[in-house]
C-alpha cells in the first residue's frame, strides 16, 4: 500500500511556519529576559510600570492635555466652551505670523520633566512617545499640510547638544502623518541668546534675521503648506520668526505644532 503523497511545497510551507513560530518564541523569550534584567520603568520618574516606554499612573495624571475648547488661532485653552471657531483676545490683538498653533499639553508638571529629559538629559528615545502625542494633537493640521519642517538649531548649539529635539519630534510626526520631513528646509543662521528671562519684545529682537531658507530649498517650499514642529511654544517669538522666513521662502502658509506650550492664566 502506498503512502499518500505530500503536495509539492507543503514541506516548505510547514518549515516556514515552524521558523516563524520559532522566531516569535525566541523574540518573546528575549523580551522576557530583558524585562527581568531591565524591568520597565516610567520614562519620567523611573518608577516601575507594566510597559516599557510609558508613564506610571501618577505621572500620567500629571499631564495637562490640551483639548477643545481652545483658540482656533493660537491653540490656547478656554476655561468655558463658548462655541466653535472662536479666537482669543490675544490672537485678535496681536495676530501671529503663522496660521494656527496646536500643542499636545501644557508645559508644566510631567510634560516639563519630559521635555527637560529629552532636551538636556540625552534621552533621545523619548522623542518617539512625545512625537506620537504631538502627532495626535496635530491631526487636523497634518491633514492639510504638504510637508513637515523642524525648527532648527544653530550649528554651534547643535554641536554642543549633539541632536535637535525638534527634528527628532518632527521625524515622528511626519512618519505618523505620512508626510515628507524636510530637515534642511530652514536654517538658523544667527547665533541667538538664550530666550529664558527675556521679555516678548527682547525675544522678537533677539530672533530678528535668525532663520533663512536656503535657495536650493525654495523649490520644495514654493506654494506648499508647512507644518512647523518644535518641542515647546512659549511666547510664539521663535515660531513667528521661523514662519516669517518660511513664508518669504515661498511657503503658502505655516502651521505650528509643538509637544507642549506655556499657558498663561488670564
Protein backbone atom coordinates (compact mmCIF):
# COMPACT_ATOMS: atom_id res chain seq x y z
CA UNK A 1 0.00 0.00 0.00
CA UNK A 2 1.45 3.34 -1.00
CA UNK A 3 1.56 6.25 1.45
CA UNK A 4 -0.30 9.46 0.50
CA UNK A 5 1.91 11.88 -1.35
CA UNK A 6 2.67 15.24 0.24
CA UNK A 7 1.62 18.02 -2.12
CA UNK A 8 4.56 19.94 -3.59
CA UNK A 9 5.63 22.88 -1.50
CA UNK A 10 3.87 21.65 1.65
CA UNK A 11 7.11 20.90 3.48
CA UNK A 12 8.44 24.33 2.61
CA UNK A 13 5.27 25.97 3.97
CA UNK A 14 5.44 23.88 7.15
CA UNK A 15 9.12 24.69 7.56
CA UNK A 16 8.41 28.39 7.07
CA UNK A 17 5.65 28.32 9.67
CA UNK A 18 7.90 26.49 12.11
CA UNK A 19 10.64 29.03 11.51
CA UNK A 20 8.22 31.93 12.04
CA UNK A 21 6.89 30.34 15.24
CA UNK A 22 10.43 29.77 16.44
CA UNK A 23 11.33 33.39 15.83
CA UNK A 24 8.21 34.53 17.68
CA UNK A 25 9.03 32.27 20.61
CA UNK A 26 12.63 33.45 20.65
CA UNK A 27 11.56 37.12 20.47
CA UNK A 28 9.07 36.68 23.31
CA UNK A 29 11.66 34.86 25.39
CA UNK A 30 14.28 37.50 24.74
CA UNK A 31 11.81 40.24 25.69
CA UNK A 32 11.02 38.38 28.90
CA UNK A 33 14.69 38.05 29.79
CA UNK A 34 15.31 41.73 29.10
CA UNK A 35 12.26 42.56 31.25
CA UNK A 36 13.76 40.59 34.12
CA UNK A 37 17.17 42.23 33.81
CA UNK A 38 15.83 45.71 33.00
CA UNK A 39 12.27 45.99 34.40
CA UNK A 40 10.12 48.56 32.55
CA UNK A 41 10.19 51.94 34.24
CA UNK A 42 8.31 55.20 33.90
CA UNK A 43 10.12 57.46 31.44
CA UNK A 44 9.52 60.47 33.70
CA UNK A 45 10.20 59.32 37.27
CA UNK A 46 11.73 55.84 36.71
CA UNK A 47 9.09 54.11 38.89
CA UNK A 48 8.09 50.58 37.88
CA UNK A 49 5.48 50.30 35.11
CA UNK A 50 3.72 47.49 33.26
CA UNK A 51 5.03 48.51 29.84
CA UNK A 52 8.30 49.94 28.60
CA UNK A 53 8.38 53.49 27.22
CA UNK A 54 5.33 54.53 29.23
CA UNK A 55 4.27 56.63 32.19
CA UNK A 56 3.26 55.48 35.63
CA UNK A 57 -0.21 56.42 36.90
CA UNK A 58 0.91 59.48 38.98
CA UNK A 59 3.00 60.88 36.10
CA UNK A 60 0.17 60.30 33.63
CA UNK A 61 -2.14 62.18 36.00
CA UNK A 62 0.41 65.00 35.96
CA UNK A 63 -0.06 65.54 32.22
CA UNK A 64 -2.32 68.50 31.38
CA UNK A 65 -3.52 67.67 27.88
CA UNK A 66 -4.98 70.47 25.77
CA UNK A 67 -8.35 69.73 24.23
CA UNK A 68 -11.18 71.83 22.85
CA UNK A 69 -12.43 74.39 23.62
CA UNK A 70 -9.39 76.42 22.60
CA UNK A 71 -8.49 79.42 20.45
CA UNK A 72 -8.58 78.28 16.84
CA UNK A 73 -5.59 80.52 16.03
CA UNK A 74 -3.25 80.12 18.98
CA UNK A 75 -4.48 76.81 20.40
CA UNK A 76 -4.65 78.23 23.93
CA UNK A 77 -7.37 76.54 26.00
CA UNK A 78 -10.55 78.34 27.07
CA UNK A 79 -11.95 77.87 30.54
CA UNK A 80 -15.53 77.86 29.20
CA UNK A 81 -16.90 76.46 25.94
CA UNK A 82 -18.49 79.40 24.11
CA UNK A 83 -18.79 77.64 20.75
CA UNK A 84 -16.60 76.53 17.87
CA UNK A 85 -14.29 78.71 15.80
CA UNK A 86 -13.56 81.38 18.41
CA UNK A 87 -10.36 83.41 18.65
CA UNK A 88 -8.81 84.50 21.93
CA UNK A 89 -8.31 88.23 22.72
CA UNK A 90 -4.55 87.70 22.33
CA UNK A 91 -4.98 86.30 18.81
CA UNK A 92 -7.15 89.25 17.83
CA UNK A 93 -4.98 91.94 19.42
CA UNK A 94 -1.65 90.57 18.19
CA UNK A 95 -2.18 88.06 15.33
CA UNK A 96 0.78 85.70 14.84
CA UNK A 97 2.67 85.26 11.59
CA UNK A 98 1.73 81.58 11.48
CA UNK A 99 -1.81 80.48 10.63
CA UNK A 100 -2.58 78.12 13.54
CA UNK A 101 -0.82 76.59 16.52
CA UNK A 102 -1.56 73.36 18.34
CA UNK A 103 0.11 71.57 21.26
CA UNK A 104 -0.46 68.25 22.98
CA UNK A 105 -0.27 69.57 26.53
CA UNK A 106 0.58 72.42 28.87
CA UNK A 107 4.23 72.94 29.71
CA UNK A 108 4.03 72.02 33.37
CA UNK A 109 4.23 69.01 35.66
CA UNK A 110 5.18 65.80 33.89
CA UNK A 111 5.37 67.47 30.49
CA UNK A 112 8.06 69.88 31.68
CA UNK A 113 10.06 66.98 33.11
CA UNK A 114 9.80 65.02 29.86
CA UNK A 115 10.93 67.97 27.75
CA UNK A 116 13.90 68.60 30.03
CA UNK A 117 14.90 64.93 29.92
CA UNK A 118 14.70 64.91 26.11
CA UNK A 119 16.41 68.25 25.64
CA UNK A 120 19.15 68.22 28.26
CA UNK A 121 19.33 64.64 29.52
CA UNK A 122 20.36 62.89 26.29
CA UNK A 123 17.09 60.91 26.38
CA UNK A 124 16.57 60.80 22.62
CA UNK A 125 14.39 57.69 22.97
CA UNK A 126 11.70 59.91 24.49
CA UNK A 127 11.16 61.52 21.09
CA UNK A 128 9.08 58.54 19.98
CA UNK A 129 6.48 58.84 22.76
CA UNK A 130 6.44 62.64 22.75
CA UNK A 131 6.32 62.68 18.95
CA UNK A 132 3.29 60.39 18.90
CA UNK A 133 1.46 62.61 21.40
CA UNK A 134 2.37 65.64 19.29
CA UNK A 135 1.15 63.97 16.09
CA UNK A 136 -2.14 63.11 17.77
CA UNK A 137 -2.66 66.73 18.80
CA UNK A 138 -1.89 67.98 15.30
CA UNK A 139 -4.02 65.62 13.23
CA UNK A 140 -6.11 68.39 11.68
CA UNK A 141 -3.01 70.43 10.81
CA UNK A 142 -1.20 67.44 9.31
CA UNK A 143 -4.23 66.60 7.16
CA UNK A 144 -3.82 69.94 5.35
CA UNK A 145 -0.01 70.08 5.32
CA UNK A 146 2.30 69.24 2.43
CA UNK A 147 5.48 68.78 4.42
CA UNK A 148 6.94 68.91 7.92
CA UNK A 149 9.82 71.22 8.88
CA UNK A 150 11.52 71.28 12.32
CA UNK A 151 12.67 74.47 13.99
CA UNK A 152 16.46 74.27 13.51
CA UNK A 153 19.26 74.84 15.99
CA UNK A 154 22.28 76.97 15.25
CA UNK A 155 25.21 74.75 14.26
CA UNK A 156 27.15 75.67 17.44
CA UNK A 157 24.24 74.71 19.70
CA UNK A 158 23.65 71.57 17.67
CA UNK A 159 27.30 70.64 18.15
CA UNK A 160 27.13 71.15 21.93
CA UNK A 161 23.75 69.42 22.35
CA UNK A 162 24.52 66.69 19.72
CA UNK A 163 20.96 66.47 18.43
CA UNK A 164 18.00 68.70 17.65
CA UNK A 165 14.99 67.70 19.75
CA UNK A 166 12.62 69.49 17.35
CA UNK A 167 13.96 67.46 14.42
CA UNK A 168 13.54 64.23 16.39
CA UNK A 169 9.89 65.09 17.10
CA UNK A 170 9.33 66.22 13.50
CA UNK A 171 10.53 62.88 12.14
CA UNK A 172 7.95 61.04 14.27
CA UNK A 173 5.17 63.47 13.34
CA UNK A 174 5.98 63.18 9.64
CA UNK A 175 6.07 59.39 9.81
CA UNK A 176 2.73 59.26 11.64
CA UNK A 177 1.13 61.61 9.11
CA UNK A 178 2.73 60.10 6.01
CA UNK A 179 4.38 63.42 5.08
CA UNK A 180 7.93 64.24 3.98
CA UNK A 181 10.17 65.77 6.64
CA UNK A 182 12.47 68.47 5.25
CA UNK A 183 15.11 68.88 7.94
CA UNK A 184 17.25 71.17 5.77
CA UNK A 185 14.46 73.47 4.57
CA UNK A 186 15.15 76.05 7.26
CA UNK A 187 18.50 77.11 8.68
CA UNK A 188 19.31 79.05 11.84
CA UNK A 189 21.92 81.47 10.57
CA UNK A 190 22.18 83.70 13.65
CA UNK A 191 23.51 82.51 16.98
CA UNK A 192 20.91 83.99 19.32
CA UNK A 193 20.98 84.40 23.08
CA UNK A 194 19.01 82.05 25.28
CA UNK A 195 15.38 83.20 25.33
CA UNK A 196 14.88 82.41 29.02
CA UNK A 197 14.35 85.60 31.02
CA UNK A 198 13.78 87.85 28.01
CA UNK A 199 10.64 89.92 27.53
CA UNK A 200 8.43 89.41 24.47
CA UNK A 201 10.00 92.43 22.76
CA UNK A 202 13.52 91.24 23.59
CA UNK A 203 12.72 87.78 22.25
CA UNK A 204 11.50 89.23 18.96
CA UNK A 205 14.60 91.42 18.63
CA UNK A 206 16.87 88.50 19.55
CA UNK A 207 15.37 86.37 16.76
CA UNK A 208 15.30 89.01 14.05
CA UNK A 209 17.05 87.56 10.99
CA UNK A 210 17.79 84.30 12.82
CA UNK A 211 16.23 81.98 10.21
CA UNK A 212 16.71 81.65 6.50
CA UNK A 213 15.54 79.33 3.72
CA UNK A 214 18.41 78.09 1.56
CA UNK A 215 17.98 79.00 -2.14
CA UNK A 216 18.23 75.31 -3.05
CA UNK A 217 15.18 74.56 -0.86
CA UNK A 218 12.86 77.20 -2.31
CA UNK A 219 11.52 74.83 -4.95
CA UNK A 220 10.49 72.37 -2.21
CA UNK A 221 8.60 75.11 -0.35
CA UNK A 222 7.01 77.01 -3.22
CA UNK A 223 3.25 77.07 -2.76
CA UNK A 224 3.35 74.39 -0.03
CA UNK A 225 1.63 74.46 3.35
CA UNK A 226 4.26 73.79 6.02
CA UNK A 227 3.79 72.14 9.40
CA UNK A 228 6.50 73.66 11.62
CA UNK A 229 7.42 71.43 14.58
CA UNK A 230 9.12 72.36 17.86
CA UNK A 231 9.20 70.99 21.39
CA UNK A 232 7.70 73.95 23.30
CA UNK A 233 5.78 77.07 22.32
CA UNK A 234 6.39 79.84 24.85
CA UNK A 235 5.55 83.37 23.64
CA UNK A 236 5.50 82.45 19.96
CA UNK A 237 8.54 84.59 19.10
CA UNK A 238 10.55 81.67 17.70
CA UNK A 239 7.56 80.30 15.80
CA UNK A 240 6.83 83.73 14.32
CA UNK A 241 10.44 84.27 13.21
CA UNK A 242 10.67 80.79 11.66
CA UNK A 243 7.25 81.11 9.98
CA UNK A 244 8.20 84.50 8.54
CA UNK A 245 11.33 83.01 6.96
CA UNK A 246 9.36 80.08 5.51
CA UNK A 247 6.75 82.41 4.01
CA UNK A 248 9.48 84.57 2.49
CA UNK A 249 10.99 81.35 1.15
CA UNK A 250 7.84 80.54 -0.82
CA UNK A 251 5.57 78.63 1.59
CA UNK A 252 1.86 79.38 1.12
CA UNK A 253 1.09 79.05 4.85
CA UNK A 254 2.69 77.82 8.07
CA UNK A 255 1.03 75.98 10.95
CA UNK A 256 2.87 75.34 14.21
CA UNK A 257 2.78 72.09 16.16
CA UNK A 258 4.56 71.51 19.48
CA UNK A 259 4.54 68.87 22.19
CA UNK A 260 3.87 71.45 24.91
CA UNK A 261 3.04 75.10 25.25
CA UNK A 262 3.19 77.65 28.04
CA UNK A 263 -0.31 78.73 29.05
CA UNK A 264 -0.57 81.99 30.95
CA UNK A 265 -3.66 82.19 33.05
CA UNK A 266 -5.69 85.33 32.49
